[in-house]
N, C-alpha and C. Protein backbone atom coordinates (compact mmCIF):
# COMPACT_ATOMS: atom_id res chain seq x y z
N MET A 1 -2.00 -19.94 -3.92
CA MET A 1 -1.69 -19.35 -2.62
C MET A 1 -0.30 -18.73 -2.68
N LEU A 2 -0.13 -17.62 -1.99
CA LEU A 2 1.17 -16.98 -1.89
C LEU A 2 1.42 -16.62 -0.43
N GLU A 3 2.49 -17.15 0.11
CA GLU A 3 2.97 -16.74 1.42
C GLU A 3 4.43 -16.36 1.24
N PRO A 4 4.69 -15.05 1.09
CA PRO A 4 6.06 -14.62 0.80
C PRO A 4 7.03 -15.03 1.90
N THR A 5 8.29 -15.14 1.52
CA THR A 5 9.35 -15.34 2.49
C THR A 5 9.72 -13.96 3.02
N TYR A 6 9.51 -13.75 4.31
CA TYR A 6 9.80 -12.46 4.92
C TYR A 6 11.18 -12.47 5.56
N PRO A 7 11.84 -11.32 5.64
CA PRO A 7 11.36 -10.03 5.15
C PRO A 7 11.53 -9.90 3.64
N LEU A 8 10.62 -9.13 3.04
CA LEU A 8 10.81 -8.69 1.66
C LEU A 8 11.79 -7.54 1.74
N ARG A 9 12.80 -7.55 0.88
CA ARG A 9 13.85 -6.54 1.01
C ARG A 9 13.88 -5.62 -0.20
N THR A 10 13.99 -4.33 0.06
CA THR A 10 14.19 -3.33 -0.98
C THR A 10 15.55 -2.70 -0.72
N GLU A 11 15.86 -1.66 -1.44
CA GLU A 11 17.17 -1.01 -1.27
C GLU A 11 17.41 -0.59 0.18
N ARG A 12 16.40 0.03 0.80
CA ARG A 12 16.57 0.55 2.16
C ARG A 12 15.66 -0.07 3.20
N LEU A 13 14.69 -0.86 2.77
CA LEU A 13 13.64 -1.33 3.68
C LEU A 13 13.58 -2.84 3.79
N ASP A 14 13.15 -3.29 4.96
CA ASP A 14 12.70 -4.66 5.16
C ASP A 14 11.20 -4.59 5.40
N LEU A 15 10.43 -5.37 4.65
CA LEU A 15 8.99 -5.43 4.84
C LEU A 15 8.69 -6.77 5.51
N ARG A 16 8.12 -6.71 6.69
CA ARG A 16 7.86 -7.90 7.49
C ARG A 16 6.43 -7.86 8.01
N PRO A 17 5.92 -9.00 8.48
CA PRO A 17 4.58 -8.99 9.05
C PRO A 17 4.50 -8.11 10.30
N TYR A 18 3.34 -7.56 10.54
CA TYR A 18 3.08 -6.86 11.80
C TYR A 18 3.18 -7.86 12.94
N ARG A 19 3.56 -7.35 14.12
CA ARG A 19 3.59 -8.17 15.33
C ARG A 19 3.02 -7.37 16.50
N PRO A 20 2.72 -8.01 17.63
CA PRO A 20 2.05 -7.32 18.74
C PRO A 20 2.76 -6.05 19.21
N GLY A 21 4.09 -6.01 19.15
CA GLY A 21 4.83 -4.84 19.62
C GLY A 21 4.77 -3.63 18.70
N ASP A 22 4.03 -3.74 17.59
CA ASP A 22 3.96 -2.64 16.62
C ASP A 22 2.83 -1.66 16.88
N LEU A 23 2.15 -1.77 18.01
CA LEU A 23 1.01 -0.90 18.28
C LEU A 23 1.41 0.58 18.31
N ASP A 24 2.51 0.92 18.96
CA ASP A 24 2.93 2.32 19.01
C ASP A 24 3.23 2.87 17.62
N ASP A 25 3.85 2.06 16.77
CA ASP A 25 4.14 2.51 15.41
C ASP A 25 2.85 2.68 14.61
N LEU A 26 1.91 1.79 14.80
CA LEU A 26 0.61 1.92 14.13
C LEU A 26 -0.09 3.20 14.57
N ARG A 27 0.04 3.53 15.84
CA ARG A 27 -0.55 4.76 16.38
C ARG A 27 0.04 5.99 15.67
N GLU A 28 1.31 5.93 15.31
CA GLU A 28 1.99 7.07 14.68
C GLU A 28 1.55 7.30 13.23
N THR A 29 0.74 6.40 12.69
CA THR A 29 0.16 6.62 11.37
C THR A 29 -1.35 6.74 11.47
N HIS A 30 -2.00 5.75 12.05
CA HIS A 30 -3.46 5.68 12.02
C HIS A 30 -4.16 6.48 13.12
N ALA A 31 -3.39 7.11 13.98
CA ALA A 31 -3.99 8.00 14.99
C ALA A 31 -3.53 9.43 14.78
N VAL A 32 -3.10 9.74 13.55
CA VAL A 32 -2.59 11.07 13.21
C VAL A 32 -3.46 11.67 12.11
N GLU A 33 -4.06 12.82 12.40
CA GLU A 33 -4.97 13.46 11.46
C GLU A 33 -4.32 13.71 10.10
N GLU A 34 -3.08 14.16 10.09
CA GLU A 34 -2.37 14.44 8.83
C GLU A 34 -2.31 13.21 7.92
N VAL A 35 -2.12 12.04 8.52
CA VAL A 35 -2.03 10.79 7.75
C VAL A 35 -3.41 10.33 7.31
N MET A 36 -4.39 10.42 8.19
CA MET A 36 -5.71 9.86 7.93
C MET A 36 -6.61 10.78 7.09
N ARG A 37 -6.17 11.98 6.84
CA ARG A 37 -6.99 12.98 6.16
C ARG A 37 -7.65 12.46 4.88
N TYR A 38 -6.91 11.75 4.04
CA TYR A 38 -7.44 11.32 2.76
C TYR A 38 -7.82 9.83 2.73
N LEU A 39 -7.79 9.18 3.88
CA LEU A 39 -8.18 7.77 3.95
C LEU A 39 -9.65 7.66 4.35
N TYR A 40 -10.22 6.47 4.20
CA TYR A 40 -11.65 6.29 4.46
C TYR A 40 -12.03 6.44 5.92
N SER A 41 -11.17 6.01 6.83
CA SER A 41 -11.53 6.08 8.24
C SER A 41 -10.96 7.33 8.89
N ASP A 42 -11.54 7.67 10.01
CA ASP A 42 -11.04 8.79 10.81
C ASP A 42 -9.85 8.31 11.64
N VAL A 43 -9.27 9.21 12.40
CA VAL A 43 -8.21 8.87 13.34
C VAL A 43 -8.76 7.76 14.24
N LEU A 44 -7.97 6.71 14.45
CA LEU A 44 -8.44 5.55 15.20
C LEU A 44 -8.27 5.72 16.70
N SER A 45 -9.25 5.23 17.44
CA SER A 45 -9.18 5.20 18.90
C SER A 45 -8.26 4.07 19.32
N GLU A 46 -7.95 3.97 20.60
CA GLU A 46 -7.08 2.90 21.09
C GLU A 46 -7.68 1.52 20.79
N ASP A 47 -8.98 1.35 21.02
CA ASP A 47 -9.62 0.06 20.72
C ASP A 47 -9.55 -0.25 19.23
N GLU A 48 -9.80 0.76 18.39
CA GLU A 48 -9.73 0.56 16.95
C GLU A 48 -8.30 0.24 16.50
N LEU A 49 -7.32 0.87 17.15
CA LEU A 49 -5.92 0.58 16.83
C LEU A 49 -5.59 -0.88 17.13
N ARG A 50 -6.06 -1.38 18.28
CA ARG A 50 -5.80 -2.79 18.63
C ARG A 50 -6.47 -3.73 17.64
N GLU A 51 -7.70 -3.42 17.23
CA GLU A 51 -8.41 -4.24 16.24
C GLU A 51 -7.68 -4.21 14.89
N THR A 52 -7.23 -3.01 14.51
CA THR A 52 -6.51 -2.86 13.25
C THR A 52 -5.20 -3.63 13.27
N LEU A 53 -4.49 -3.58 14.40
CA LEU A 53 -3.24 -4.33 14.52
C LEU A 53 -3.49 -5.83 14.37
N THR A 54 -4.53 -6.33 15.01
CA THR A 54 -4.86 -7.76 14.90
C THR A 54 -5.14 -8.12 13.45
N LYS A 55 -5.89 -7.29 12.76
CA LYS A 55 -6.20 -7.55 11.34
C LYS A 55 -4.93 -7.53 10.50
N LYS A 56 -4.08 -6.51 10.70
CA LYS A 56 -2.84 -6.40 9.92
C LYS A 56 -1.90 -7.57 10.20
N MET A 57 -1.87 -8.06 11.44
CA MET A 57 -1.01 -9.20 11.78
C MET A 57 -1.45 -10.46 11.03
N SER A 58 -2.73 -10.55 10.68
CA SER A 58 -3.24 -11.74 10.00
C SER A 58 -3.03 -11.69 8.48
N ARG A 59 -2.65 -10.54 7.96
CA ARG A 59 -2.53 -10.38 6.51
C ARG A 59 -1.10 -10.64 6.05
N THR A 60 -0.71 -11.92 6.09
CA THR A 60 0.66 -12.31 5.74
C THR A 60 0.71 -13.23 4.53
N ALA A 61 -0.45 -13.71 4.07
CA ALA A 61 -0.51 -14.63 2.94
C ALA A 61 -1.77 -14.35 2.14
N VAL A 62 -1.73 -14.74 0.87
CA VAL A 62 -2.88 -14.59 -0.02
C VAL A 62 -3.33 -16.00 -0.41
N ARG A 63 -4.52 -16.36 0.04
CA ARG A 63 -5.04 -17.70 -0.25
C ARG A 63 -6.20 -17.67 -1.22
N SER A 64 -6.97 -16.58 -1.18
CA SER A 64 -8.14 -16.49 -2.06
C SER A 64 -8.49 -15.03 -2.32
N GLU A 65 -9.34 -14.82 -3.29
CA GLU A 65 -9.79 -13.48 -3.65
C GLU A 65 -10.25 -12.73 -2.40
N GLY A 66 -9.82 -11.48 -2.28
CA GLY A 66 -10.16 -10.67 -1.12
C GLY A 66 -9.07 -10.65 -0.06
N ASP A 67 -8.16 -11.64 -0.08
CA ASP A 67 -7.04 -11.65 0.86
C ASP A 67 -6.02 -10.60 0.45
N GLY A 68 -5.16 -10.25 1.39
CA GLY A 68 -4.12 -9.28 1.08
C GLY A 68 -2.91 -9.43 1.97
N LEU A 69 -1.85 -8.79 1.55
CA LEU A 69 -0.62 -8.68 2.32
C LEU A 69 -0.58 -7.28 2.89
N ASN A 70 -0.08 -7.14 4.11
CA ASN A 70 -0.02 -5.83 4.73
C ASN A 70 1.24 -5.72 5.59
N PRO A 71 2.42 -5.81 4.95
CA PRO A 71 3.66 -5.77 5.74
C PRO A 71 3.99 -4.38 6.25
N VAL A 72 4.64 -4.37 7.40
CA VAL A 72 5.17 -3.13 7.97
C VAL A 72 6.54 -2.90 7.35
N ALA A 73 6.87 -1.65 7.06
CA ALA A 73 8.14 -1.30 6.44
C ALA A 73 9.10 -0.76 7.50
N VAL A 74 10.27 -1.37 7.58
CA VAL A 74 11.29 -1.01 8.56
C VAL A 74 12.52 -0.50 7.83
N LEU A 75 12.99 0.67 8.22
CA LEU A 75 14.22 1.23 7.65
C LEU A 75 15.39 0.40 8.16
N ARG A 76 16.01 -0.34 7.27
CA ARG A 76 17.05 -1.29 7.66
C ARG A 76 18.19 -0.62 8.44
N GLU A 77 18.59 0.56 8.03
CA GLU A 77 19.74 1.24 8.64
C GLU A 77 19.53 1.56 10.12
N THR A 78 18.29 1.89 10.50
CA THR A 78 18.03 2.32 11.88
C THR A 78 17.08 1.40 12.64
N GLY A 79 16.35 0.54 11.95
CA GLY A 79 15.35 -0.31 12.60
C GLY A 79 14.03 0.40 12.85
N GLU A 80 13.89 1.64 12.37
CA GLU A 80 12.66 2.40 12.60
C GLU A 80 11.56 1.93 11.65
N VAL A 81 10.34 1.82 12.19
CA VAL A 81 9.17 1.54 11.36
C VAL A 81 8.77 2.83 10.67
N VAL A 82 8.63 2.80 9.34
CA VAL A 82 8.30 4.01 8.58
C VAL A 82 6.85 4.04 8.11
N GLY A 83 6.20 2.88 8.06
CA GLY A 83 4.82 2.82 7.59
C GLY A 83 4.48 1.41 7.19
N ASP A 84 3.50 1.27 6.30
CA ASP A 84 3.18 -0.07 5.80
C ASP A 84 2.68 -0.02 4.37
N ALA A 85 2.71 -1.18 3.76
CA ALA A 85 2.28 -1.34 2.37
C ALA A 85 1.13 -2.34 2.33
N THR A 86 0.39 -2.32 1.22
CA THR A 86 -0.74 -3.23 1.05
C THR A 86 -0.77 -3.76 -0.37
N LEU A 87 -1.11 -5.03 -0.50
CA LEU A 87 -1.41 -5.63 -1.78
C LEU A 87 -2.62 -6.53 -1.57
N VAL A 88 -3.73 -6.22 -2.23
CA VAL A 88 -4.96 -6.99 -2.08
C VAL A 88 -5.30 -7.67 -3.40
N TRP A 89 -5.71 -8.91 -3.32
CA TRP A 89 -6.15 -9.68 -4.49
C TRP A 89 -7.63 -9.38 -4.69
N LEU A 90 -7.93 -8.53 -5.67
CA LEU A 90 -9.30 -8.08 -5.90
C LEU A 90 -10.14 -9.08 -6.68
N SER A 91 -9.55 -9.73 -7.69
CA SER A 91 -10.32 -10.62 -8.55
C SER A 91 -9.47 -11.77 -9.05
N GLU A 92 -9.91 -12.98 -8.75
CA GLU A 92 -9.23 -14.16 -9.27
C GLU A 92 -9.47 -14.28 -10.77
N THR A 93 -10.72 -14.10 -11.20
CA THR A 93 -11.08 -14.22 -12.61
C THR A 93 -10.28 -13.26 -13.48
N HIS A 94 -10.19 -12.01 -13.04
CA HIS A 94 -9.53 -10.98 -13.83
C HIS A 94 -8.05 -10.80 -13.45
N ARG A 95 -7.59 -11.61 -12.49
CA ARG A 95 -6.19 -11.55 -12.03
C ARG A 95 -5.78 -10.11 -11.72
N THR A 96 -6.60 -9.47 -10.88
CA THR A 96 -6.41 -8.06 -10.55
C THR A 96 -6.11 -7.88 -9.06
N GLY A 97 -5.22 -6.96 -8.78
CA GLY A 97 -4.89 -6.60 -7.40
C GLY A 97 -4.88 -5.10 -7.23
N GLU A 98 -4.72 -4.68 -5.98
CA GLU A 98 -4.62 -3.25 -5.67
C GLU A 98 -3.48 -3.03 -4.70
N VAL A 99 -2.71 -1.99 -4.94
CA VAL A 99 -1.57 -1.63 -4.11
C VAL A 99 -1.91 -0.38 -3.31
N GLY A 100 -1.34 -0.30 -2.10
CA GLY A 100 -1.52 0.88 -1.26
C GLY A 100 -0.34 1.05 -0.32
N PHE A 101 -0.30 2.18 0.36
CA PHE A 101 0.82 2.49 1.25
C PHE A 101 0.42 3.61 2.19
N VAL A 102 1.06 3.65 3.35
CA VAL A 102 0.89 4.73 4.31
C VAL A 102 2.22 4.92 5.03
N LEU A 103 2.58 6.17 5.25
CA LEU A 103 3.85 6.50 5.91
C LEU A 103 3.64 7.39 7.12
N LYS A 104 4.51 7.24 8.11
CA LYS A 104 4.55 8.19 9.21
C LYS A 104 4.98 9.54 8.63
N PRO A 105 4.45 10.64 9.14
CA PRO A 105 4.82 11.96 8.62
C PRO A 105 6.33 12.22 8.59
N ALA A 106 7.06 11.75 9.59
CA ALA A 106 8.51 12.01 9.65
C ALA A 106 9.28 11.37 8.51
N PHE A 107 8.67 10.41 7.82
CA PHE A 107 9.39 9.70 6.76
C PHE A 107 8.86 10.01 5.36
N GLN A 108 7.93 10.92 5.27
CA GLN A 108 7.38 11.28 3.96
C GLN A 108 8.39 12.12 3.19
N GLY A 109 8.31 12.05 1.87
CA GLY A 109 9.17 12.86 1.01
C GLY A 109 10.56 12.30 0.79
N ARG A 110 10.80 11.05 1.13
CA ARG A 110 12.13 10.44 0.97
C ARG A 110 12.14 9.31 -0.06
N GLY A 111 11.02 9.09 -0.74
CA GLY A 111 10.95 8.01 -1.72
C GLY A 111 10.66 6.65 -1.12
N LEU A 112 10.36 6.59 0.17
CA LEU A 112 10.12 5.30 0.83
C LEU A 112 8.78 4.68 0.42
N ALA A 113 7.76 5.51 0.21
CA ALA A 113 6.46 4.98 -0.24
C ALA A 113 6.62 4.35 -1.63
N THR A 114 7.36 5.00 -2.49
CA THR A 114 7.61 4.46 -3.83
C THR A 114 8.35 3.13 -3.72
N GLU A 115 9.33 3.07 -2.85
CA GLU A 115 10.14 1.86 -2.68
C GLU A 115 9.29 0.69 -2.20
N MET A 116 8.46 0.93 -1.17
CA MET A 116 7.67 -0.20 -0.67
C MET A 116 6.53 -0.57 -1.61
N ALA A 117 5.93 0.40 -2.28
CA ALA A 117 4.87 0.09 -3.24
C ALA A 117 5.43 -0.65 -4.45
N ARG A 118 6.65 -0.31 -4.87
CA ARG A 118 7.29 -1.03 -5.98
C ARG A 118 7.48 -2.50 -5.61
N GLU A 119 7.83 -2.77 -4.37
CA GLU A 119 7.98 -4.16 -3.94
C GLU A 119 6.63 -4.88 -3.96
N MET A 120 5.57 -4.20 -3.62
CA MET A 120 4.25 -4.81 -3.69
C MET A 120 3.87 -5.11 -5.15
N LEU A 121 4.23 -4.21 -6.06
CA LEU A 121 3.99 -4.48 -7.48
C LEU A 121 4.79 -5.71 -7.93
N ARG A 122 6.04 -5.80 -7.50
CA ARG A 122 6.87 -6.95 -7.85
C ARG A 122 6.23 -8.25 -7.37
N VAL A 123 5.80 -8.26 -6.13
CA VAL A 123 5.16 -9.46 -5.58
C VAL A 123 3.89 -9.78 -6.37
N GLY A 124 3.10 -8.76 -6.65
CA GLY A 124 1.85 -8.98 -7.38
C GLY A 124 2.07 -9.52 -8.78
N PHE A 125 2.99 -8.94 -9.51
CA PHE A 125 3.21 -9.37 -10.89
C PHE A 125 4.09 -10.63 -10.98
N GLU A 126 5.15 -10.69 -10.21
CA GLU A 126 6.11 -11.77 -10.38
C GLU A 126 5.81 -13.00 -9.55
N GLU A 127 5.19 -12.84 -8.40
CA GLU A 127 4.90 -13.99 -7.55
C GLU A 127 3.43 -14.42 -7.63
N MET A 128 2.51 -13.47 -7.66
CA MET A 128 1.09 -13.81 -7.75
C MET A 128 0.63 -13.99 -9.19
N ARG A 129 1.45 -13.51 -10.12
CA ARG A 129 1.13 -13.59 -11.55
C ARG A 129 -0.17 -12.84 -11.88
N LEU A 130 -0.35 -11.67 -11.25
CA LEU A 130 -1.51 -10.85 -11.57
C LEU A 130 -1.35 -10.25 -12.96
N HIS A 131 -2.46 -9.97 -13.59
CA HIS A 131 -2.48 -9.35 -14.91
C HIS A 131 -2.49 -7.83 -14.80
N ARG A 132 -3.16 -7.31 -13.76
CA ARG A 132 -3.38 -5.87 -13.62
C ARG A 132 -3.38 -5.52 -12.14
N ILE A 133 -2.71 -4.41 -11.81
CA ILE A 133 -2.73 -3.89 -10.44
C ILE A 133 -3.12 -2.43 -10.51
N ILE A 134 -4.06 -2.06 -9.64
CA ILE A 134 -4.53 -0.68 -9.59
C ILE A 134 -4.02 0.00 -8.32
N GLY A 135 -4.07 1.31 -8.33
CA GLY A 135 -3.81 2.13 -7.16
C GLY A 135 -4.78 3.29 -7.20
N ARG A 136 -5.42 3.57 -6.07
CA ARG A 136 -6.41 4.65 -6.03
C ARG A 136 -6.09 5.60 -4.88
N CYS A 137 -6.46 6.87 -5.07
CA CYS A 137 -6.28 7.83 -3.99
C CYS A 137 -7.27 8.99 -4.15
N ASP A 138 -7.51 9.66 -3.05
CA ASP A 138 -8.29 10.88 -3.06
C ASP A 138 -7.56 11.86 -3.98
N ALA A 139 -8.29 12.54 -4.84
CA ALA A 139 -7.67 13.44 -5.82
C ALA A 139 -6.91 14.59 -5.17
N ARG A 140 -7.25 14.92 -3.93
CA ARG A 140 -6.52 15.99 -3.23
C ARG A 140 -5.18 15.52 -2.69
N ASN A 141 -4.97 14.22 -2.67
CA ASN A 141 -3.74 13.65 -2.13
C ASN A 141 -2.67 13.61 -3.23
N THR A 142 -2.12 14.76 -3.50
CA THR A 142 -1.15 14.89 -4.59
C THR A 142 0.12 14.08 -4.34
N ALA A 143 0.50 13.89 -3.08
CA ALA A 143 1.71 13.11 -2.78
C ALA A 143 1.51 11.65 -3.18
N SER A 144 0.36 11.07 -2.85
CA SER A 144 0.10 9.68 -3.23
C SER A 144 -0.03 9.53 -4.74
N ALA A 145 -0.67 10.49 -5.37
CA ALA A 145 -0.79 10.45 -6.83
C ALA A 145 0.60 10.48 -7.47
N ALA A 146 1.49 11.28 -6.92
CA ALA A 146 2.85 11.37 -7.45
C ALA A 146 3.59 10.04 -7.28
N VAL A 147 3.38 9.35 -6.16
CA VAL A 147 4.00 8.04 -5.95
C VAL A 147 3.52 7.06 -7.02
N LEU A 148 2.21 7.00 -7.24
CA LEU A 148 1.66 6.08 -8.23
C LEU A 148 2.22 6.37 -9.63
N ALA A 149 2.36 7.64 -9.95
CA ALA A 149 2.93 8.01 -11.25
C ALA A 149 4.41 7.63 -11.32
N ARG A 150 5.17 7.86 -10.24
CA ARG A 150 6.60 7.49 -10.22
C ARG A 150 6.82 6.00 -10.39
N LEU A 151 5.85 5.22 -9.95
CA LEU A 151 5.94 3.77 -10.10
C LEU A 151 5.78 3.34 -11.56
N GLY A 152 5.33 4.26 -12.39
CA GLY A 152 5.08 3.94 -13.79
C GLY A 152 3.64 3.54 -14.05
N MET A 153 2.79 3.74 -13.04
CA MET A 153 1.38 3.42 -13.23
C MET A 153 0.73 4.52 -14.06
N ARG A 154 -0.21 4.13 -14.86
CA ARG A 154 -0.91 5.04 -15.78
C ARG A 154 -2.17 5.57 -15.10
N ARG A 155 -2.34 6.90 -15.14
CA ARG A 155 -3.59 7.46 -14.61
C ARG A 155 -4.69 7.18 -15.62
N GLU A 156 -5.70 6.44 -15.17
CA GLU A 156 -6.78 6.04 -16.05
C GLU A 156 -8.06 6.84 -15.85
N ALA A 157 -8.22 7.41 -14.66
CA ALA A 157 -9.48 8.12 -14.43
C ALA A 157 -9.35 9.14 -13.31
N HIS A 158 -10.13 10.19 -13.47
CA HIS A 158 -10.38 11.14 -12.39
C HIS A 158 -11.90 11.12 -12.21
N LEU A 159 -12.33 10.42 -11.18
CA LEU A 159 -13.76 10.25 -10.93
C LEU A 159 -14.26 11.39 -10.06
N LEU A 160 -15.21 12.13 -10.56
CA LEU A 160 -15.71 13.31 -9.86
C LEU A 160 -16.77 12.93 -8.83
N GLN A 161 -16.54 13.37 -7.61
CA GLN A 161 -17.48 13.20 -6.51
C GLN A 161 -18.10 11.80 -6.50
N ASN A 162 -17.25 10.79 -6.62
CA ASN A 162 -17.76 9.42 -6.71
C ASN A 162 -17.97 8.75 -5.37
N GLU A 163 -17.44 9.32 -4.29
CA GLU A 163 -17.61 8.70 -2.98
C GLU A 163 -17.93 9.74 -1.92
N TRP A 164 -18.77 9.32 -0.98
CA TRP A 164 -19.12 10.13 0.18
C TRP A 164 -18.21 9.70 1.31
N VAL A 165 -17.23 10.53 1.67
CA VAL A 165 -16.22 10.17 2.66
C VAL A 165 -16.14 11.27 3.71
N LYS A 166 -16.30 10.89 4.95
CA LYS A 166 -16.16 11.82 6.08
C LYS A 166 -17.02 13.07 5.91
N GLY A 167 -18.25 12.87 5.45
CA GLY A 167 -19.19 13.97 5.38
C GLY A 167 -19.11 14.85 4.15
N GLU A 168 -18.37 14.40 3.12
CA GLU A 168 -18.29 15.20 1.90
C GLU A 168 -18.09 14.31 0.68
N TRP A 169 -18.49 14.82 -0.48
CA TRP A 169 -18.22 14.14 -1.73
C TRP A 169 -16.76 14.35 -2.08
N THR A 170 -16.10 13.25 -2.48
CA THR A 170 -14.68 13.36 -2.83
C THR A 170 -14.43 12.79 -4.22
N ASP A 171 -13.44 13.35 -4.87
CA ASP A 171 -12.98 12.85 -6.17
C ASP A 171 -11.94 11.75 -5.91
N GLU A 172 -11.81 10.86 -6.87
CA GLU A 172 -10.84 9.78 -6.76
C GLU A 172 -10.02 9.70 -8.05
N LEU A 173 -8.72 9.50 -7.88
CA LEU A 173 -7.84 9.22 -9.01
C LEU A 173 -7.58 7.72 -9.05
N SER A 174 -7.61 7.16 -10.25
CA SER A 174 -7.39 5.73 -10.43
C SER A 174 -6.21 5.52 -11.37
N TYR A 175 -5.24 4.74 -10.90
CA TYR A 175 -4.04 4.41 -11.67
C TYR A 175 -4.01 2.90 -11.88
N ALA A 176 -3.28 2.45 -12.91
CA ALA A 176 -3.16 1.01 -13.15
C ALA A 176 -1.88 0.70 -13.90
N MET A 177 -1.49 -0.56 -13.80
CA MET A 177 -0.36 -1.08 -14.55
C MET A 177 -0.70 -2.52 -14.93
N LEU A 178 -0.28 -2.92 -16.14
CA LEU A 178 -0.46 -4.29 -16.61
C LEU A 178 0.84 -5.07 -16.44
N ALA A 179 0.74 -6.39 -16.41
CA ALA A 179 1.92 -7.24 -16.22
C ALA A 179 2.97 -7.01 -17.30
N ASP A 180 2.54 -6.85 -18.56
CA ASP A 180 3.55 -6.64 -19.61
C ASP A 180 4.20 -5.26 -19.49
N GLU A 181 3.49 -4.28 -18.96
CA GLU A 181 4.09 -2.96 -18.71
C GLU A 181 5.13 -3.06 -17.60
N TRP A 182 4.81 -3.84 -16.55
CA TRP A 182 5.76 -4.08 -15.48
C TRP A 182 7.03 -4.74 -16.02
N ALA A 183 6.85 -5.78 -16.83
CA ALA A 183 8.01 -6.50 -17.40
C ALA A 183 8.87 -5.57 -18.25
N ALA A 184 8.25 -4.73 -19.05
CA ALA A 184 9.00 -3.79 -19.88
C ALA A 184 9.75 -2.78 -19.02
N LEU A 185 9.13 -2.31 -17.96
CA LEU A 185 9.76 -1.37 -17.05
C LEU A 185 10.97 -2.01 -16.38
N GLN A 186 10.84 -3.26 -15.97
CA GLN A 186 11.96 -3.97 -15.32
C GLN A 186 13.10 -4.20 -16.30
N ALA A 187 12.77 -4.48 -17.55
CA ALA A 187 13.81 -4.68 -18.57
C ALA A 187 14.60 -3.38 -18.78
N ARG A 188 13.91 -2.23 -18.75
CA ARG A 188 14.60 -0.94 -18.90
C ARG A 188 15.45 -0.61 -17.70
N ARG A 189 15.00 -1.04 -16.50
CA ARG A 189 15.76 -0.76 -15.26
C ARG A 189 17.02 -1.59 -15.21
N GLY A 190 17.06 -2.68 -16.02
CA GLY A 190 18.26 -3.48 -16.14
C GLY A 190 18.36 -4.53 -15.12
């Protein structure tokens, strides 16, 4: 079991659990077409936003396969919520997880997605002792693909028309990193 001590801190961000007052911030990501374009769900309605907030508030610890962490990322300097990160435990047997991230449009392009996803990799490798962590994105989402590459994750596949999403066949890019690759990267970072 892993229940991190919150907040998780990066250079500029505090990652903390979602709380009831975060509904407006959630709306600024999950109710915005620009953000939801390459995700599985459409823009969320008010009822769906409330359900999503309840689910995200419960994702603070990893107890068994399928559980995940879903902290909200707060810019320490201003207290503004910039988005959220995800780490899901996909397989106990294979010690595999998946990392994800979403940002409000106003905060994109500043390296914040890389910063919060790097912290999720750290938690996955150093605290959960995962062997492998993957990251996936719609192949048209070049910004997310660039984040995964900046993290040092290796692009392993470009799957052609592998999923039917929002009424069309979509391609998917799959990235991964192994625990020993993470350790080597941290050793180089000093």
